[in-house]
Amino acid sequence: MSAGRRRTCETTPGARPDTVTLVRIQDTARVSQAIQTLGVGRSLDELVDRLYVLSEGSLELDRATLHRIARGKTRVARAIDTPEACIRLYFALMILGSEQDLPLETIVREGRAVLAGLVGDPLATLIVGDLERTLPKLTDLRTLREYLEEGLRIWLPI
């Protein structure tokens, strides 16, 4: 590797070369827009750090990868290469949106866009359907955040 070039998790030795990426971002522009909306007011460095904390280290997105995803410049990201990781990212990004006091409808719409862009509309519809059925019981951002935090805990690796 030439001097001056830094490795990312996608090029680092030991980055699981024997695995096949299962997830390809289907609508890079829409996923990019949703990430920017849910992360409003935060730098990409802050987003990476907060996503890592929220997911208890299970989402190891590096800044360069998140930058490419958030700018619509890639269809592949090893840190979110399984449906489970995509679901954790969905919950974590929506928690970020609730921390920024975005309207509840915006959080749900943009979270769904991220999930659909990562795992496809049929699976996203199933997962978001549970949230949509629960929405009448979620009276404010605090209760939404509690629901999302519980959902994220369920999807954390054991």
N, C-alpha and C. Protein backbone atom coordinates (compact mmCIF):
# COMPACT_ATOMS: atom_id res chain seq x y z
N MET A 1 0.87 -1.17 0.00
CA MET A 1 0.00 0.00 0.00
C MET A 1 0.90 1.22 0.00
N SER A 2 0.62 2.21 -0.84
CA SER A 2 1.46 3.39 -0.94
C SER A 2 1.31 4.28 0.27
N ALA A 3 2.36 5.05 0.54
CA ALA A 3 2.31 5.99 1.66
C ALA A 3 1.23 7.01 1.40
N GLY A 4 0.56 7.42 2.44
CA GLY A 4 -0.49 8.43 2.28
C GLY A 4 -1.87 7.84 2.13
N ARG A 5 -1.96 6.59 1.74
CA ARG A 5 -3.28 5.95 1.64
C ARG A 5 -3.56 5.22 2.92
N ARG A 6 -4.75 5.42 3.45
CA ARG A 6 -5.15 4.76 4.68
C ARG A 6 -6.11 3.65 4.35
N ARG A 7 -5.98 2.56 5.05
CA ARG A 7 -6.89 1.43 4.86
C ARG A 7 -8.20 1.72 5.55
N THR A 8 -9.26 1.20 4.99
CA THR A 8 -10.57 1.25 5.63
C THR A 8 -10.93 -0.19 5.99
N CYS A 9 -12.05 -0.35 6.66
CA CYS A 9 -12.43 -1.72 7.03
C CYS A 9 -12.71 -2.56 5.79
N GLU A 10 -12.95 -1.92 4.66
CA GLU A 10 -13.22 -2.68 3.45
C GLU A 10 -11.94 -3.17 2.79
N THR A 11 -10.77 -2.60 3.17
CA THR A 11 -9.52 -3.00 2.56
C THR A 11 -8.51 -3.52 3.56
N THR A 12 -8.87 -3.55 4.81
CA THR A 12 -7.96 -3.99 5.86
C THR A 12 -7.81 -5.49 5.84
N PRO A 13 -6.56 -5.98 5.94
CA PRO A 13 -6.38 -7.44 6.04
C PRO A 13 -7.15 -7.94 7.25
N GLY A 14 -7.71 -9.12 7.13
CA GLY A 14 -8.50 -9.67 8.22
C GLY A 14 -9.94 -9.19 8.19
N ALA A 15 -10.33 -8.52 7.12
CA ALA A 15 -11.68 -7.97 7.01
C ALA A 15 -12.63 -9.02 6.45
N ARG A 16 -12.42 -10.25 6.86
CA ARG A 16 -13.29 -11.37 6.49
C ARG A 16 -13.37 -11.57 4.97
N PRO A 17 -12.25 -11.81 4.30
CA PRO A 17 -12.28 -11.99 2.85
C PRO A 17 -13.03 -13.24 2.42
N ASP A 18 -13.25 -14.18 3.35
CA ASP A 18 -13.92 -15.41 3.00
C ASP A 18 -15.44 -15.29 3.05
N THR A 19 -15.95 -14.12 3.41
CA THR A 19 -17.40 -13.94 3.47
C THR A 19 -17.89 -13.26 2.21
N VAL A 20 -19.13 -13.50 1.92
CA VAL A 20 -19.76 -12.88 0.77
C VAL A 20 -20.68 -11.78 1.28
N THR A 21 -20.58 -10.62 0.68
CA THR A 21 -21.46 -9.53 1.09
C THR A 21 -22.88 -9.88 0.69
N LEU A 22 -23.76 -9.89 1.68
CA LEU A 22 -25.14 -10.26 1.45
C LEU A 22 -26.02 -9.05 1.15
N VAL A 23 -25.55 -7.87 1.50
CA VAL A 23 -26.37 -6.67 1.39
C VAL A 23 -25.73 -5.70 0.41
N ARG A 24 -26.53 -5.23 -0.52
CA ARG A 24 -26.12 -4.16 -1.44
C ARG A 24 -27.14 -3.06 -1.30
N ILE A 25 -26.66 -1.85 -1.15
CA ILE A 25 -27.56 -0.71 -1.02
C ILE A 25 -28.30 -0.55 -2.34
N GLN A 26 -29.62 -0.63 -2.28
CA GLN A 26 -30.44 -0.66 -3.48
C GLN A 26 -30.74 0.73 -4.04
N ASP A 27 -30.92 1.70 -3.18
CA ASP A 27 -31.22 3.06 -3.61
C ASP A 27 -30.29 4.00 -2.86
N THR A 28 -29.09 4.17 -3.41
CA THR A 28 -28.06 4.92 -2.70
C THR A 28 -28.48 6.36 -2.42
N ALA A 29 -29.16 6.98 -3.36
CA ALA A 29 -29.57 8.38 -3.17
C ALA A 29 -30.58 8.51 -2.04
N ARG A 30 -31.54 7.60 -1.97
CA ARG A 30 -32.57 7.68 -0.93
C ARG A 30 -31.99 7.35 0.45
N VAL A 31 -31.12 6.34 0.52
CA VAL A 31 -30.47 6.00 1.78
C VAL A 31 -29.61 7.17 2.25
N SER A 32 -28.89 7.78 1.33
CA SER A 32 -28.07 8.94 1.65
C SER A 32 -28.93 10.07 2.23
N GLN A 33 -30.02 10.37 1.58
CA GLN A 33 -30.92 11.43 2.05
C GLN A 33 -31.46 11.10 3.44
N ALA A 34 -31.85 9.87 3.66
CA ALA A 34 -32.42 9.47 4.96
C ALA A 34 -31.38 9.58 6.07
N ILE A 35 -30.15 9.14 5.81
CA ILE A 35 -29.09 9.25 6.81
C ILE A 35 -28.82 10.71 7.15
N GLN A 36 -28.78 11.55 6.14
CA GLN A 36 -28.54 12.97 6.39
C GLN A 36 -29.69 13.60 7.17
N THR A 37 -30.92 13.17 6.89
CA THR A 37 -32.07 13.70 7.62
C THR A 37 -32.05 13.24 9.08
N LEU A 38 -31.82 11.95 9.31
CA LEU A 38 -31.84 11.42 10.68
C LEU A 38 -30.65 11.90 11.50
N GLY A 39 -29.57 12.21 10.84
CA GLY A 39 -28.38 12.67 11.55
C GLY A 39 -28.23 14.17 11.55
N VAL A 40 -29.30 14.89 11.29
CA VAL A 40 -29.27 16.34 11.16
C VAL A 40 -28.50 16.97 12.33
N GLY A 41 -27.63 17.90 11.98
CA GLY A 41 -26.89 18.62 13.00
C GLY A 41 -25.67 17.90 13.53
N ARG A 42 -25.38 16.71 13.04
CA ARG A 42 -24.21 15.96 13.52
C ARG A 42 -23.23 15.76 12.38
N SER A 43 -21.96 15.83 12.72
CA SER A 43 -20.93 15.52 11.73
C SER A 43 -20.89 14.01 11.53
N LEU A 44 -20.26 13.58 10.46
CA LEU A 44 -20.13 12.14 10.22
C LEU A 44 -19.30 11.49 11.33
N ASP A 45 -18.32 12.20 11.87
CA ASP A 45 -17.55 11.66 12.99
C ASP A 45 -18.45 11.41 14.19
N GLU A 46 -19.31 12.35 14.50
CA GLU A 46 -20.25 12.17 15.60
C GLU A 46 -21.20 11.02 15.33
N LEU A 47 -21.68 10.92 14.09
CA LEU A 47 -22.59 9.82 13.73
C LEU A 47 -21.92 8.46 13.93
N VAL A 48 -20.69 8.32 13.43
CA VAL A 48 -19.97 7.05 13.57
C VAL A 48 -19.83 6.69 15.04
N ASP A 49 -19.39 7.67 15.84
CA ASP A 49 -19.19 7.40 17.26
C ASP A 49 -20.50 7.03 17.95
N ARG A 50 -21.56 7.76 17.66
CA ARG A 50 -22.85 7.51 18.31
C ARG A 50 -23.44 6.16 17.87
N LEU A 51 -23.32 5.82 16.57
CA LEU A 51 -23.81 4.53 16.09
C LEU A 51 -23.06 3.39 16.76
N TYR A 52 -21.77 3.56 16.96
CA TYR A 52 -20.96 2.54 17.62
C TYR A 52 -21.44 2.34 19.06
N VAL A 53 -21.66 3.43 19.76
CA VAL A 53 -22.11 3.36 21.15
C VAL A 53 -23.50 2.74 21.23
N LEU A 54 -24.43 3.23 20.40
CA LEU A 54 -25.80 2.72 20.45
C LEU A 54 -25.86 1.22 20.17
N SER A 55 -25.02 0.76 19.25
CA SER A 55 -25.05 -0.66 18.87
C SER A 55 -24.10 -1.50 19.71
N GLU A 56 -23.58 -0.91 20.78
CA GLU A 56 -22.65 -1.61 21.67
C GLU A 56 -21.50 -2.23 20.90
N GLY A 57 -21.02 -1.50 19.91
CA GLY A 57 -19.86 -1.93 19.13
C GLY A 57 -20.16 -2.91 18.01
N SER A 58 -21.41 -3.29 17.83
CA SER A 58 -21.73 -4.28 16.79
C SER A 58 -21.78 -3.67 15.40
N LEU A 59 -21.88 -2.34 15.30
CA LEU A 59 -21.79 -1.66 14.00
C LEU A 59 -20.45 -0.94 13.97
N GLU A 60 -19.50 -1.53 13.28
CA GLU A 60 -18.17 -0.96 13.22
C GLU A 60 -17.97 -0.19 11.92
N LEU A 61 -18.81 0.79 11.72
CA LEU A 61 -18.67 1.64 10.54
C LEU A 61 -17.51 2.59 10.75
N ASP A 62 -16.60 2.63 9.81
CA ASP A 62 -15.56 3.64 9.92
C ASP A 62 -16.04 4.91 9.23
N ARG A 63 -15.38 5.99 9.48
CA ARG A 63 -15.80 7.29 8.97
C ARG A 63 -15.85 7.32 7.44
N ALA A 64 -14.86 6.71 6.81
CA ALA A 64 -14.81 6.71 5.34
C ALA A 64 -16.00 5.96 4.74
N THR A 65 -16.34 4.82 5.34
CA THR A 65 -17.47 4.03 4.83
C THR A 65 -18.78 4.78 5.04
N LEU A 66 -18.99 5.32 6.25
CA LEU A 66 -20.22 6.07 6.49
C LEU A 66 -20.29 7.28 5.56
N HIS A 67 -19.16 7.91 5.32
CA HIS A 67 -19.14 9.06 4.41
C HIS A 67 -19.60 8.64 3.02
N ARG A 68 -19.08 7.50 2.53
CA ARG A 68 -19.49 7.03 1.19
C ARG A 68 -20.97 6.67 1.16
N ILE A 69 -21.47 6.04 2.22
CA ILE A 69 -22.90 5.70 2.27
C ILE A 69 -23.74 6.96 2.34
N ALA A 70 -23.37 7.87 3.24
CA ALA A 70 -24.15 9.09 3.44
C ALA A 70 -24.10 10.02 2.24
N ARG A 71 -23.12 9.86 1.39
CA ARG A 71 -23.02 10.67 0.18
C ARG A 71 -23.49 9.91 -1.06
N GLY A 72 -23.97 8.69 -0.88
CA GLY A 72 -24.49 7.90 -2.00
C GLY A 72 -23.41 7.42 -2.94
N LYS A 73 -22.20 7.19 -2.42
CA LYS A 73 -21.06 6.84 -3.27
C LYS A 73 -20.70 5.36 -3.28
N THR A 74 -21.46 4.53 -2.57
CA THR A 74 -21.15 3.11 -2.56
C THR A 74 -22.45 2.31 -2.43
N ARG A 75 -22.39 1.09 -2.89
CA ARG A 75 -23.51 0.17 -2.74
C ARG A 75 -23.17 -0.94 -1.74
N VAL A 76 -21.90 -1.01 -1.30
CA VAL A 76 -21.46 -2.09 -0.43
C VAL A 76 -20.76 -1.50 0.79
N ALA A 77 -21.08 -2.03 1.95
CA ALA A 77 -20.39 -1.65 3.18
C ALA A 77 -20.28 -2.88 4.06
N ARG A 78 -19.08 -3.35 4.29
CA ARG A 78 -18.90 -4.60 5.04
C ARG A 78 -19.45 -4.52 6.46
N ALA A 79 -19.46 -3.35 7.07
CA ALA A 79 -19.92 -3.24 8.45
C ALA A 79 -21.42 -3.51 8.57
N ILE A 80 -22.13 -3.41 7.47
CA ILE A 80 -23.57 -3.69 7.48
C ILE A 80 -23.90 -4.71 6.39
N ASP A 81 -23.17 -5.83 6.43
CA ASP A 81 -23.28 -6.81 5.36
C ASP A 81 -24.22 -7.96 5.65
N THR A 82 -25.02 -7.84 6.71
CA THR A 82 -26.03 -8.86 6.99
C THR A 82 -27.35 -8.15 7.25
N PRO A 83 -28.46 -8.83 7.05
CA PRO A 83 -29.74 -8.20 7.38
C PRO A 83 -29.82 -7.76 8.84
N GLU A 84 -29.23 -8.54 9.73
CA GLU A 84 -29.26 -8.18 11.15
C GLU A 84 -28.55 -6.85 11.41
N ALA A 85 -27.39 -6.67 10.78
CA ALA A 85 -26.65 -5.41 10.93
C ALA A 85 -27.45 -4.25 10.34
N CYS A 86 -28.13 -4.49 9.24
CA CYS A 86 -28.98 -3.45 8.63
C CYS A 86 -30.09 -3.04 9.59
N ILE A 87 -30.67 -4.01 10.26
CA ILE A 87 -31.76 -3.72 11.20
C ILE A 87 -31.22 -2.94 12.39
N ARG A 88 -30.02 -3.31 12.87
CA ARG A 88 -29.41 -2.53 13.95
C ARG A 88 -29.14 -1.10 13.52
N LEU A 89 -28.69 -0.91 12.28
CA LEU A 89 -28.45 0.45 11.78
C LEU A 89 -29.76 1.22 11.69
N TYR A 90 -30.82 0.57 11.25
CA TYR A 90 -32.16 1.17 11.17
C TYR A 90 -32.59 1.71 12.53
N PHE A 91 -32.52 0.85 13.55
CA PHE A 91 -32.91 1.29 14.89
C PHE A 91 -32.01 2.41 15.39
N ALA A 92 -30.70 2.26 15.22
CA ALA A 92 -29.76 3.26 15.73
C ALA A 92 -29.96 4.62 15.06
N LEU A 93 -30.16 4.64 13.76
CA LEU A 93 -30.38 5.91 13.06
C LEU A 93 -31.68 6.56 13.51
N MET A 94 -32.70 5.76 13.74
CA MET A 94 -33.96 6.35 14.20
C MET A 94 -33.82 6.89 15.63
N ILE A 95 -33.02 6.24 16.45
CA ILE A 95 -32.75 6.78 17.78
C ILE A 95 -32.05 8.13 17.64
N LEU A 96 -31.09 8.22 16.72
CA LEU A 96 -30.41 9.50 16.48
C LEU A 96 -31.42 10.58 16.09
N GLY A 97 -32.35 10.23 15.23
CA GLY A 97 -33.38 11.19 14.82
C GLY A 97 -34.23 11.64 16.00
N SER A 98 -34.54 10.71 16.90
CA SER A 98 -35.34 11.09 18.06
C SER A 98 -34.53 11.97 19.00
N GLU A 99 -33.23 11.77 19.06
CA GLU A 99 -32.37 12.61 19.89
C GLU A 99 -32.29 14.04 19.34
N GLN A 100 -32.52 14.17 18.05
CA GLN A 100 -32.46 15.49 17.41
C GLN A 100 -33.83 16.16 17.38
N ASP A 101 -34.81 15.53 18.02
CA ASP A 101 -36.17 16.07 18.10
C ASP A 101 -36.83 16.25 16.74
N LEU A 102 -36.53 15.34 15.81
CA LEU A 102 -37.22 15.34 14.53
C LEU A 102 -38.67 14.92 14.77
N PRO A 103 -39.59 15.34 13.91
CA PRO A 103 -40.98 14.88 14.05
C PRO A 103 -41.06 13.36 13.93
N LEU A 104 -41.92 12.77 14.71
CA LEU A 104 -42.09 11.32 14.74
C LEU A 104 -42.31 10.75 13.34
N GLU A 105 -43.14 11.39 12.55
CA GLU A 105 -43.44 10.91 11.20
C GLU A 105 -42.19 10.91 10.33
N THR A 106 -41.34 11.92 10.49
CA THR A 106 -40.09 12.00 9.72
C THR A 106 -39.16 10.86 10.11
N ILE A 107 -39.05 10.60 11.41
CA ILE A 107 -38.17 9.53 11.89
C ILE A 107 -38.60 8.19 11.30
N VAL A 108 -39.89 7.91 11.34
CA VAL A 108 -40.40 6.64 10.83
C VAL A 108 -40.20 6.56 9.31
N ARG A 109 -40.53 7.61 8.60
CA ARG A 109 -40.40 7.61 7.13
C ARG A 109 -38.93 7.42 6.70
N GLU A 110 -38.03 8.15 7.34
CA GLU A 110 -36.62 8.07 6.95
C GLU A 110 -35.99 6.75 7.41
N GLY A 111 -36.40 6.26 8.57
CA GLY A 111 -35.92 4.96 9.02
C GLY A 111 -36.34 3.86 8.06
N ARG A 112 -37.57 3.92 7.62
CA ARG A 112 -38.07 2.93 6.65
C ARG A 112 -37.29 3.02 5.35
N ALA A 113 -36.96 4.23 4.92
CA ALA A 113 -36.19 4.41 3.68
C ALA A 113 -34.81 3.77 3.79
N VAL A 114 -34.17 3.94 4.95
CA VAL A 114 -32.86 3.31 5.16
C VAL A 114 -33.00 1.80 5.08
N LEU A 115 -33.95 1.26 5.82
CA LEU A 115 -34.11 -0.19 5.87
C LEU A 115 -34.49 -0.76 4.50
N ALA A 116 -35.41 -0.13 3.81
CA ALA A 116 -35.81 -0.61 2.48
C ALA A 116 -34.64 -0.54 1.51
N GLY A 117 -33.83 0.50 1.62
CA GLY A 117 -32.67 0.63 0.75
C GLY A 117 -31.61 -0.42 1.01
N LEU A 118 -31.59 -0.95 2.21
CA LEU A 118 -30.58 -1.95 2.57
C LEU A 118 -31.05 -3.38 2.40
N VAL A 119 -32.28 -3.69 2.84
CA VAL A 119 -32.73 -5.08 2.81
C VAL A 119 -33.89 -5.33 1.85
N GLY A 120 -34.36 -4.29 1.20
CA GLY A 120 -35.46 -4.45 0.26
C GLY A 120 -36.81 -4.14 0.91
N ASP A 121 -37.74 -3.80 0.08
CA ASP A 121 -39.05 -3.36 0.56
C ASP A 121 -39.84 -4.44 1.29
N PRO A 122 -39.86 -5.70 0.83
CA PRO A 122 -40.67 -6.70 1.54
C PRO A 122 -40.26 -6.89 3.00
N LEU A 123 -38.97 -7.04 3.27
CA LEU A 123 -38.52 -7.21 4.64
C LEU A 123 -38.71 -5.92 5.44
N ALA A 124 -38.43 -4.79 4.82
CA ALA A 124 -38.64 -3.51 5.51
C ALA A 124 -40.10 -3.33 5.89
N THR A 125 -41.01 -3.72 5.02
CA THR A 125 -42.44 -3.60 5.31
C THR A 125 -42.81 -4.44 6.53
N LEU A 126 -42.27 -5.64 6.65
CA LEU A 126 -42.55 -6.48 7.81
C LEU A 126 -42.03 -5.85 9.10
N ILE A 127 -40.81 -5.38 9.07
CA ILE A 127 -40.19 -4.83 10.28
C ILE A 127 -40.82 -3.51 10.67
N VAL A 128 -41.02 -2.63 9.71
CA VAL A 128 -41.61 -1.32 10.00
C VAL A 128 -43.09 -1.48 10.35
N GLY A 129 -43.72 -2.53 9.86
CA GLY A 129 -45.13 -2.77 10.17
C GLY A 129 -45.37 -2.87 11.67
N ASP A 130 -44.45 -3.51 12.39
CA ASP A 130 -44.59 -3.59 13.84
C ASP A 130 -44.55 -2.21 14.46
N LEU A 131 -43.63 -1.38 14.01
CA LEU A 131 -43.56 -0.01 14.52
C LEU A 131 -44.83 0.76 14.19
N GLU A 132 -45.32 0.62 12.97
CA GLU A 132 -46.52 1.36 12.58
C GLU A 132 -47.74 0.93 13.39
N ARG A 133 -47.83 -0.36 13.73
CA ARG A 133 -48.94 -0.83 14.57
C ARG A 133 -48.82 -0.31 16.00
N THR A 134 -47.60 -0.04 16.43
CA THR A 134 -47.35 0.43 17.79
C THR A 134 -47.44 1.95 17.89
N LEU A 135 -47.34 2.67 16.78
CA LEU A 135 -47.31 4.14 16.79
C LEU A 135 -48.44 4.79 17.60
N PRO A 136 -49.67 4.30 17.53
CA PRO A 136 -50.72 4.95 18.34
C PRO A 136 -50.43 4.95 19.84
N LYS A 137 -49.63 3.99 20.30
CA LYS A 137 -49.29 3.91 21.72
C LYS A 137 -48.09 4.79 22.07
N LEU A 138 -47.36 5.22 21.06
CA LEU A 138 -46.16 6.04 21.29
C LEU A 138 -46.59 7.50 21.25
N THR A 139 -46.68 8.09 22.40
CA THR A 139 -47.30 9.41 22.50
C THR A 139 -46.34 10.56 22.25
N ASP A 140 -45.04 10.31 22.36
CA ASP A 140 -44.07 11.39 22.17
C ASP A 140 -42.71 10.78 21.79
N LEU A 141 -41.72 11.65 21.60
CA LEU A 141 -40.40 11.17 21.20
C LEU A 141 -39.74 10.30 22.27
N ARG A 142 -40.02 10.56 23.53
CA ARG A 142 -39.45 9.76 24.60
C ARG A 142 -39.92 8.32 24.50
N THR A 143 -41.22 8.11 24.29
CA THR A 143 -41.74 6.74 24.19
C THR A 143 -41.28 6.08 22.90
N LEU A 144 -41.15 6.86 21.83
CA LEU A 144 -40.61 6.31 20.59
C LEU A 144 -39.17 5.85 20.82
N ARG A 145 -38.38 6.68 21.46
CA ARG A 145 -36.98 6.34 21.73
C ARG A 145 -36.88 5.06 22.57
N GLU A 146 -37.73 4.93 23.57
CA GLU A 146 -37.72 3.72 24.39
C GLU A 146 -38.05 2.49 23.55
N TYR A 147 -39.04 2.61 22.67
CA TYR A 147 -39.41 1.51 21.77
C TYR A 147 -38.22 1.15 20.87
N LEU A 148 -37.56 2.16 20.31
CA LEU A 148 -36.43 1.93 19.41
C LEU A 148 -35.24 1.31 20.16
N GLU A 149 -34.98 1.79 21.36
CA GLU A 149 -33.88 1.23 22.15
C GLU A 149 -34.13 -0.24 22.47
N GLU A 150 -35.37 -0.59 22.80
CA GLU A 150 -35.71 -1.99 23.06
C GLU A 150 -35.56 -2.81 21.78
N GLY A 151 -36.00 -2.28 20.65
CA GLY A 151 -35.84 -2.98 19.37
C GLY A 151 -34.38 -3.21 19.05
N LEU A 152 -33.55 -2.22 19.29
CA LEU A 152 -32.12 -2.38 19.03
C LEU A 152 -31.52 -3.43 19.94
N ARG A 153 -31.89 -3.43 21.21
CA ARG A 153 -31.37 -4.45 22.15
C ARG A 153 -31.72 -5.86 21.68
N ILE A 154 -32.92 -6.03 21.15
CA ILE A 154 -33.34 -7.36 20.67
C ILE A 154 -32.45 -7.83 19.53
N TRP A 155 -32.01 -6.91 18.67
CA TRP A 155 -31.24 -7.27 17.49
C TRP A 155 -29.74 -7.27 17.72
N LEU A 156 -29.27 -6.91 18.93
CA LEU A 156 -27.84 -6.96 19.20
C LEU A 156 -27.38 -8.40 19.21
N PRO A 157 -26.14 -8.64 18.75
CA PRO A 157 -25.65 -10.01 18.78
C PRO A 157 -25.48 -10.49 20.22
N ILE A 158 -25.64 -11.77 20.40
CA ILE A 158 -25.54 -12.35 21.74
C ILE A 158 -24.09 -12.48 22.14
